[in-house]
Amino acid sequence: MNQKNIGIPMTDKALLFINGIPPENLPETVGYSLIACSDGAFHYLKEKSFPMEKLDFISGDFDSHLGSDGEIYQEKFIFTPDQDKTDFHKSLEIIKERGIKAVHVYGASGGEMDHFLGNLTVAFLFKNELEITFYDEFSTYFFAPKNLILENVRGKTISLYPFPLTENITTKGLNWPLNNDTLDLSKRIGTRNFASEETVVINYGKGDLVVFVEN
């Protein structure tokens, strides 16, 4: 899947691992200007033999004890004890402070679903400051800009999820198109559509919209 109308150079992106279900296969690290993880994600990265020297920082309150192996990387630790914020939230704050404009996130979904919903809500809080894209074993998902082009998606399931209300949505290339329609979390959502063309165009006027694209 390719996205257009985002406009973020590859060299201005961060790769962030957090403590959900770990990716089955770790992504390539080439091209990222910053790589980080939460303290919980540190464990699965170690188990998957991720090259820890590539991490720029490990953030958290360290309630997930890192053990003796973690002591080797203490110079990378950033202690963030604020219990009013999640480790994901605190990691995004650090990334934003370092001037990064976009973040690719792994480990945000799966397991306890309140964590997934919490992570989505945190992304909403940062949507005007960071372009956050989530990746899991099933899909890629993100808060969509008002004008979005998806390429190379024919046959893929694409879901449009209002957060909580999205108005004036018009689509091209979906099997069930929308024409200046409204999606409302309390009335109508747009899940389980699929791309009937290679290119899908999604435009909307007001509100916020989460787009899920099948891998």
C-alpha atoms as a PDB file:
ATOM      1  CA  MET A   1       0.000   0.000   0.000  1.00  0.00           C
ATOM      2  CA  ASN A   2       1.235   3.466  -0.875  1.00  0.00           C
ATOM      3  CA  GLN A   3      -0.145   6.693   0.519  1.00  0.00           C
ATOM      4  CA  LYS A   4      -0.011  10.074  -1.137  1.00  0.00           C
ATOM      5  CA  ASN A   5      -0.678  13.590   0.123  1.00  0.00           C
ATOM      6  CA  ILE A   6       1.247  12.964   3.316  1.00  0.00           C
ATOM      7  CA  GLY A   7       4.442  14.764   2.365  1.00  0.00           C
ATOM      8  CA  ILE A   8       6.806  13.436   5.087  1.00  0.00           C
ATOM      9  CA  PRO A   9      10.375  12.603   3.953  1.00  0.00           C
ATOM     10  CA  MET A  10      11.573   9.126   4.963  1.00  0.00           C
ATOM     11  CA  THR A  11      14.527  10.646   6.831  1.00  0.00           C
ATOM     12  CA  ASP A  12      12.107  12.480   9.126  1.00  0.00           C
ATOM     13  CA  LYS A  13      10.384   9.353  10.471  1.00  0.00           C
ATOM     14  CA  ALA A  14      10.681   7.456  13.722  1.00  0.00           C
ATOM     15  CA  LEU A  15      10.191   3.731  14.300  1.00  0.00           C
ATOM     16  CA  LEU A  16       8.538   2.988  17.652  1.00  0.00           C
ATOM     17  CA  PHE A  17       7.816  -0.385  19.294  1.00  0.00           C
ATOM     18  CA  ILE A  18       5.292  -0.502  22.144  1.00  0.00           C
ATOM     19  CA  ASN A  19       3.983  -3.216  24.417  1.00  0.00           C
ATOM     20  CA  GLY A  20       1.149  -4.892  22.520  1.00  0.00           C
ATOM     21  CA  ILE A  21       1.334  -8.045  20.424  1.00  0.00           C
ATOM     22  CA  PRO A  22       4.805  -7.996  18.845  1.00  0.00           C
ATOM     23  CA  PRO A  23       5.119  -8.086  15.064  1.00  0.00           C
ATOM     24  CA  GLU A  24       5.666 -11.562  13.666  1.00  0.00           C
ATOM     25  CA  ASN A  25       8.484 -10.184  11.523  1.00  0.00           C
ATOM     26  CA  LEU A  26      10.424  -7.117  12.567  1.00  0.00           C
ATOM     27  CA  PRO A  27      10.400  -4.284  10.027  1.00  0.00           C
ATOM     28  CA  GLU A  28      13.451  -2.990   8.211  1.00  0.00           C
ATOM     29  CA  THR A  29      15.204  -0.207  10.089  1.00  0.00           C
ATOM     30  CA  VAL A  30      16.835   1.495   7.100  1.00  0.00           C
ATOM     31  CA  GLY A  31      15.756   5.088   6.508  1.00  0.00           C
ATOM     32  CA  TYR A  32      14.539   5.992   9.989  1.00  0.00           C
ATOM     33  CA  SER A  33      16.148   8.933  11.740  1.00  0.00           C
ATOM     34  CA  LEU A  34      15.130   7.633  15.185  1.00  0.00           C
ATOM     35  CA  ILE A  35      14.295   4.172  16.588  1.00  0.00           C
ATOM     36  CA  ALA A  36      12.825   3.692  20.071  1.00  0.00           C
ATOM     37  CA  CYS A  37      10.766   1.367  22.237  1.00  0.00           C
ATOM     38  CA  SER A  38       8.798   1.322  25.461  1.00  0.00           C
ATOM     39  CA  ASP A  39      10.231  -0.640  28.358  1.00  0.00           C
ATOM     40  CA  GLY A  40       7.681  -3.421  27.813  1.00  0.00           C
ATOM     41  CA  ALA A  41       8.561  -3.768  24.122  1.00  0.00           C
ATOM     42  CA  PHE A  42      12.222  -4.121  25.055  1.00  0.00           C
ATOM     43  CA  HIS A  43      11.521  -7.724  26.091  1.00  0.00           C
ATOM     44  CA  TYR A  44      10.118  -8.933  22.778  1.00  0.00           C
ATOM     45  CA  LEU A  45      12.771  -7.058  20.786  1.00  0.00           C
ATOM     46  CA  LYS A  46      15.417  -8.888  22.790  1.00  0.00           C
ATOM     47  CA  GLU A  47      13.674 -12.234  22.186  1.00  0.00           C
ATOM     48  CA  LYS A  48      13.568 -11.523  18.460  1.00  0.00           C
ATOM     49  CA  SER A  49      17.278 -10.630  18.417  1.00  0.00           C
ATOM     50  CA  PHE A  50      16.675  -7.033  17.426  1.00  0.00           C
ATOM     51  CA  PRO A  51      20.016  -5.150  17.267  1.00  0.00           C
ATOM     52  CA  MET A  52      19.617  -3.106  20.458  1.00  0.00           C
ATOM     53  CA  GLU A  53      22.468  -0.799  19.540  1.00  0.00           C
ATOM     54  CA  LYS A  54      20.125   0.727  16.949  1.00  0.00           C
ATOM     55  CA  LEU A  55      17.748   1.987  19.649  1.00  0.00           C
ATOM     56  CA  ASP A  56      17.982   5.712  20.343  1.00  0.00           C
ATOM     57  CA  PHE A  57      16.022   5.442  23.573  1.00  0.00           C
ATOM     58  CA  ILE A  58      13.969   3.119  25.783  1.00  0.00           C
ATOM     59  CA  SER A  59      11.156   4.975  27.528  1.00  0.00           C
ATOM     60  CA  GLY A  60       8.902   4.098  30.448  1.00  0.00           C
ATOM     61  CA  ASP A  61       8.457   3.868  34.174  1.00  0.00           C
ATOM     62  CA  PHE A  62      10.312   0.541  33.997  1.00  0.00           C
ATOM     63  CA  ASP A  63       7.621  -1.332  35.874  1.00  0.00           C
ATOM     64  CA  SER A  64       8.388  -4.063  33.323  1.00  0.00           C
ATOM     65  CA  HIS A  65      11.721  -5.046  34.852  1.00  0.00           C
ATOM     66  CA  LEU A  66      14.427  -5.152  32.242  1.00  0.00           C
ATOM     67  CA  GLY A  67      16.736  -7.483  34.172  1.00  0.00           C
ATOM     68  CA  SER A  68      20.487  -7.794  33.878  1.00  0.00           C
ATOM     69  CA  ASP A  69      20.472  -7.674  30.073  1.00  0.00           C
ATOM     70  CA  GLY A  70      18.789  -4.290  30.243  1.00  0.00           C
ATOM     71  CA  GLU A  71      21.590  -2.861  32.361  1.00  0.00           C
ATOM     72  CA  ILE A  72      23.861  -2.981  29.325  1.00  0.00           C
ATOM     73  CA  TYR A  73      21.681  -0.356  27.670  1.00  0.00           C
ATOM     74  CA  GLN A  74      21.123   1.947  30.637  1.00  0.00           C
ATOM     75  CA  GLU A  75      22.544   4.920  28.747  1.00  0.00           C
ATOM     76  CA  LYS A  76      19.528   4.657  26.443  1.00  0.00           C
ATOM     77  CA  PHE A  77      16.932   4.713  29.263  1.00  0.00           C
ATOM     78  CA  ILE A  78      14.633   7.705  29.626  1.00  0.00           C
ATOM     79  CA  PHE A  79      12.741   7.407  32.897  1.00  0.00           C
ATOM     80  CA  THR A  80       9.152   8.688  32.469  1.00  0.00           C
ATOM     81  CA  PRO A  81       7.306   7.983  35.736  1.00  0.00           C
ATOM     82  CA  ASP A  82       4.140  10.042  35.068  1.00  0.00           C
ATOM     83  CA  GLN A  83       1.297   7.590  35.839  1.00  0.00           C
ATOM     84  CA  ASP A  84      -1.274   9.896  34.233  1.00  0.00           C
ATOM     85  CA  LYS A  85       0.149   9.078  30.787  1.00  0.00           C
ATOM     86  CA  THR A  86       0.807   5.793  29.026  1.00  0.00           C
ATOM     87  CA  ASP A  87       4.276   4.748  27.903  1.00  0.00           C
ATOM     88  CA  PHE A  88       3.108   5.300  24.316  1.00  0.00           C
ATOM     89  CA  HIS A  89       2.050   8.866  25.120  1.00  0.00           C
ATOM     90  CA  LYS A  90       5.352   9.625  26.830  1.00  0.00           C
ATOM     91  CA  SER A  91       7.349   8.127  23.946  1.00  0.00           C
ATOM     92  CA  LEU A  92       5.502  10.334  21.469  1.00  0.00           C
ATOM     93  CA  GLU A  93       6.287  13.395  23.570  1.00  0.00           C
ATOM     94  CA  ILE A  94      10.002  12.585  23.398  1.00  0.00           C
ATOM     95  CA  ILE A  95       9.846  11.943  19.656  1.00  0.00           C
ATOM     96  CA  LYS A  96       8.030  15.238  19.076  1.00  0.00           C
ATOM     97  CA  GLU A  97      10.599  17.117  21.169  1.00  0.00           C
ATOM     98  CA  ARG A  98      13.322  15.720  18.928  1.00  0.00           C
ATOM     99  CA  GLY A  99      11.716  17.281  15.862  1.00  0.00           C
ATOM    100  CA  ILE A 100      10.349  14.147  14.222  1.00  0.00           C
ATOM    101  CA  LYS A 101       7.198  14.642  12.153  1.00  0.00           C
ATOM    102  CA  ALA A 102       6.032  11.054  11.535  1.00  0.00           C
ATOM    103  CA  VAL A 103       6.034   7.825  13.528  1.00  0.00           C
ATOM    104  CA  HIS A 104       5.599   4.196  12.463  1.00  0.00           C
ATOM    105  CA  VAL A 105       4.267   2.207  15.416  1.00  0.00           C
ATOM    106  CA  TYR A 106       4.415  -1.571  16.000  1.00  0.00           C
ATOM    107  CA  GLY A 107       2.852  -3.389  18.938  1.00  0.00           C
ATOM    108  CA  ALA A 108      -0.154  -1.113  19.436  1.00  0.00           C
ATOM    109  CA  SER A 109      -2.902  -3.715  18.984  1.00  0.00           C
ATOM    110  CA  GLY A 110      -3.730  -7.193  20.191  1.00  0.00           C
ATOM    111  CA  GLY A 111      -3.936  -8.556  23.697  1.00  0.00           C
ATOM    112  CA  GLU A 112      -6.010  -6.430  26.037  1.00  0.00           C
ATOM    113  CA  MET A 113      -8.293  -4.347  23.842  1.00  0.00           C
ATOM    114  CA  ASP A 114      -8.450  -1.435  26.273  1.00  0.00           C
ATOM    115  CA  HIS A 115      -4.761  -0.929  25.449  1.00  0.00           C
ATOM    116  CA  PHE A 116      -5.585  -0.793  21.737  1.00  0.00           C
ATOM    117  CA  LEU A 117      -8.355   1.766  22.276  1.00  0.00           C
ATOM    118  CA  GLY A 118      -6.088   3.744  24.561  1.00  0.00           C
ATOM    119  CA  ASN A 119      -3.349   3.798  21.927  1.00  0.00           C
ATOM    120  CA  LEU A 120      -5.799   4.988  19.292  1.00  0.00           C
ATOM    121  CA  THR A 121      -6.931   7.772  21.617  1.00  0.00           C
ATOM    122  CA  VAL A 122      -3.332   8.821  22.272  1.00  0.00           C
ATOM    123  CA  ALA A 123      -2.753   9.009  18.511  1.00  0.00           C
ATOM    124  CA  PHE A 124      -5.818  11.246  18.269  1.00  0.00           C
ATOM    125  CA  LEU A 125      -4.271  13.636  20.804  1.00  0.00           C
ATOM    126  CA  PHE A 126      -1.147  13.980  18.656  1.00  0.00           C
ATOM    127  CA  LYS A 127      -2.799  13.932  15.212  1.00  0.00           C
ATOM    128  CA  ASN A 128      -2.149  17.617  14.527  1.00  0.00           C
ATOM    129  CA  GLU A 129       1.517  17.355  15.498  1.00  0.00           C
ATOM    130  CA  LEU A 130       2.625  13.914  14.333  1.00  0.00           C
ATOM    131  CA  GLU A 131       1.665  11.672  11.452  1.00  0.00           C
ATOM    132  CA  ILE A 132       1.229   8.328  13.233  1.00  0.00           C
ATOM    133  CA  THR A 133       0.821   5.094  11.288  1.00  0.00           C
ATOM    134  CA  PHE A 134       0.148   1.800  13.071  1.00  0.00           C
ATOM    135  CA  TYR A 135       1.169  -1.606  11.719  1.00  0.00           C
ATOM    136  CA  ASP A 136       0.033  -5.044  12.857  1.00  0.00           C
ATOM    137  CA  GLU A 137      -0.324  -8.504  11.351  1.00  0.00           C
ATOM    138  CA  PHE A 138      -3.681  -7.670   9.779  1.00  0.00           C
ATOM    139  CA  SER A 139      -3.667  -4.057   8.645  1.00  0.00           C
ATOM    140  CA  THR A 140      -2.166  -0.619   8.538  1.00  0.00           C
ATOM    141  CA  TYR A 141      -4.249   2.105  10.158  1.00  0.00           C
ATOM    142  CA  PHE A 142      -4.010   5.822  10.809  1.00  0.00           C
ATOM    143  CA  PHE A 143      -5.935   9.067  11.215  1.00  0.00           C
ATOM    144  CA  ALA A 144      -6.486  10.115   7.632  1.00  0.00           C
ATOM    145  CA  PRO A 145      -5.823  13.583   6.244  1.00  0.00           C
ATOM    146  CA  LYS A 146      -8.780  15.345   4.636  1.00  0.00           C
ATOM    147  CA  ASN A 147      -7.568  14.247   1.200  1.00  0.00           C
ATOM    148  CA  LEU A 148      -6.091  10.767   0.955  1.00  0.00           C
ATOM    149  CA  ILE A 149      -4.938   8.631  -1.964  1.00  0.00           C
ATOM    150  CA  LEU A 150      -4.206   4.919  -1.466  1.00  0.00           C
ATOM    151  CA  GLU A 151      -2.435   3.081  -4.269  1.00  0.00           C
ATOM    152  CA  ASN A 152      -1.968  -0.628  -5.070  1.00  0.00           C
ATOM    153  CA  VAL A 153      -4.931  -1.671  -2.922  1.00  0.00           C
ATOM    154  CA  ARG A 154      -7.276  -3.516  -5.301  1.00  0.00           C
ATOM    155  CA  GLY A 155      -9.093  -6.329  -3.478  1.00  0.00           C
ATOM    156  CA  LYS A 156      -7.988  -5.229  -0.014  1.00  0.00           C
ATOM    157  CA  THR A 157     -10.443  -4.654   2.816  1.00  0.00           C
ATOM    158  CA  ILE A 158     -10.623  -0.974   3.704  1.00  0.00           C
ATOM    159  CA  SER A 159     -12.540   0.265   6.723  1.00  0.00           C
ATOM    160  CA  LEU A 160     -13.530   3.845   7.463  1.00  0.00           C
ATOM    161  CA  TYR A 161     -14.080   4.462  11.140  1.00  0.00           C
ATOM    162  CA  PRO A 162     -15.452   7.815  12.354  1.00  0.00           C
ATOM    163  CA  PHE A 163     -13.841   9.176  15.487  1.00  0.00           C
ATOM    164  CA  PRO A 164     -16.584   9.806  16.492  1.00  0.00           C
ATOM    165  CA  LEU A 165     -18.136  11.783  13.612  1.00  0.00           C
ATOM    166  CA  THR A 166     -16.972  12.376  10.050  1.00  0.00           C
ATOM    167  CA  GLU A 167     -18.962  14.518   7.607  1.00  0.00           C
ATOM    168  CA  ASN A 168     -18.985  15.074   3.845  1.00  0.00           C
ATOM    169  CA  ILE A 169     -17.136  11.869   2.953  1.00  0.00           C
ATOM    170  CA  THR A 170     -16.703  11.088  -0.734  1.00  0.00           C
ATOM    171  CA  THR A 171     -14.789   8.076  -1.983  1.00  0.00           C
ATOM    172  CA  LYS A 172     -13.663   6.704  -5.327  1.00  0.00           C
ATOM    173  CA  GLY A 173     -12.456   3.171  -5.922  1.00  0.00           C
ATOM    174  CA  LEU A 174     -14.356   1.451  -3.087  1.00  0.00           C
ATOM    175  CA  ASN A 175     -16.934  -1.236  -3.821  1.00  0.00           C
ATOM    176  CA  TRP A 176     -19.527   0.653  -1.779  1.00  0.00           C
ATOM    177  CA  PRO A 177     -18.774   4.304  -2.482  1.00  0.00           C
ATOM    178  CA  LEU A 178     -19.718   7.242  -0.297  1.00  0.00           C
ATOM    179  CA  ASN A 179     -20.969  10.468  -1.806  1.00  0.00           C
ATOM    180  CA  ASN A 180     -20.922  13.423   0.579  1.00  0.00           C
ATOM    181  CA  ASP A 181     -22.031  11.028   3.329  1.00  0.00           C
ATOM    182  CA  THR A 182     -21.691  11.155   7.106  1.00  0.00           C
ATOM    183  CA  LEU A 183     -20.331   8.399   9.320  1.00  0.00           C
ATOM    184  CA  ASP A 184     -21.281   8.563  12.980  1.00  0.00           C
ATOM    185  CA  LEU A 185     -20.078   6.190  15.682  1.00  0.00           C
ATOM    186  CA  SER A 186     -23.572   6.147  17.199  1.00  0.00           C
ATOM    187  CA  LYS A 187     -25.397   5.499  13.911  1.00  0.00           C
ATOM    188  CA  ARG A 188     -23.329   4.334  10.973  1.00  0.00           C
ATOM    189  CA  ILE A 189     -19.727   3.263  10.459  1.00  0.00           C
ATOM    190  CA  GLY A 190     -17.893   2.261   7.303  1.00  0.00           C
ATOM    191  CA  THR A 191     -16.107  -0.965   8.163  1.00  0.00           C
ATOM    192  CA  ARG A 192     -15.414  -3.945   5.878  1.00  0.00           C
ATOM    193  CA  ASN A 193     -15.571  -2.143   2.543  1.00  0.00           C
ATOM    194  CA  PHE A 194     -13.045  -3.167  -0.075  1.00  0.00           C
ATOM    195  CA  ALA A 195     -11.109  -1.628  -2.930  1.00  0.00           C
ATOM    196  CA  SER A 196     -12.530  -2.397  -6.360  1.00  0.00           C
ATOM    197  CA  GLU A 197      -9.755  -0.406  -8.070  1.00  0.00           C
ATOM    198  CA  GLU A 198      -5.987  -0.120  -7.689  1.00  0.00           C
ATOM    199  CA  THR A 199      -6.311   3.466  -6.467  1.00  0.00           C
ATOM    200  CA  VAL A 200      -8.735   4.606  -3.768  1.00  0.00           C
ATOM    201  CA  VAL A 201      -9.427   8.279  -3.097  1.00  0.00           C
ATOM    202  CA  ILE A 202     -11.002   9.392   0.183  1.00  0.00           C
ATOM    203  CA  ASN A 203     -12.012  12.991   0.858  1.00  0.00           C
ATOM    204  CA  TYR A 204     -13.956  14.392   3.791  1.00  0.00           C
ATOM    205  CA  GLY A 205     -14.891  17.775   5.189  1.00  0.00           C
ATOM    206  CA  LYS A 206     -15.348  17.754   8.950  1.00  0.00           C
ATOM    207  CA  GLY A 207     -14.422  15.534  11.875  1.00  0.00           C
ATOM    208  CA  ASP A 208     -11.807  12.802  12.162  1.00  0.00           C
ATOM    209  CA  LEU A 209     -11.509   9.509  10.340  1.00  0.00           C
ATOM    210  CA  VAL A 210      -9.452   6.386  11.035  1.00  0.00           C
ATOM    211  CA  VAL A 211      -8.664   4.341   7.929  1.00  0.00           C
ATOM    212  CA  PHE A 212      -7.735   0.654   8.162  1.00  0.00           C
ATOM    213  CA  VAL A 213      -6.089  -0.979   5.113  1.00  0.00           C
ATOM    214  CA  GLU A 214      -5.651  -4.743   4.949  1.00  0.00           C
ATOM    215  CA  ASN A 215      -2.064  -5.930   4.562  1.00  0.00           C
END
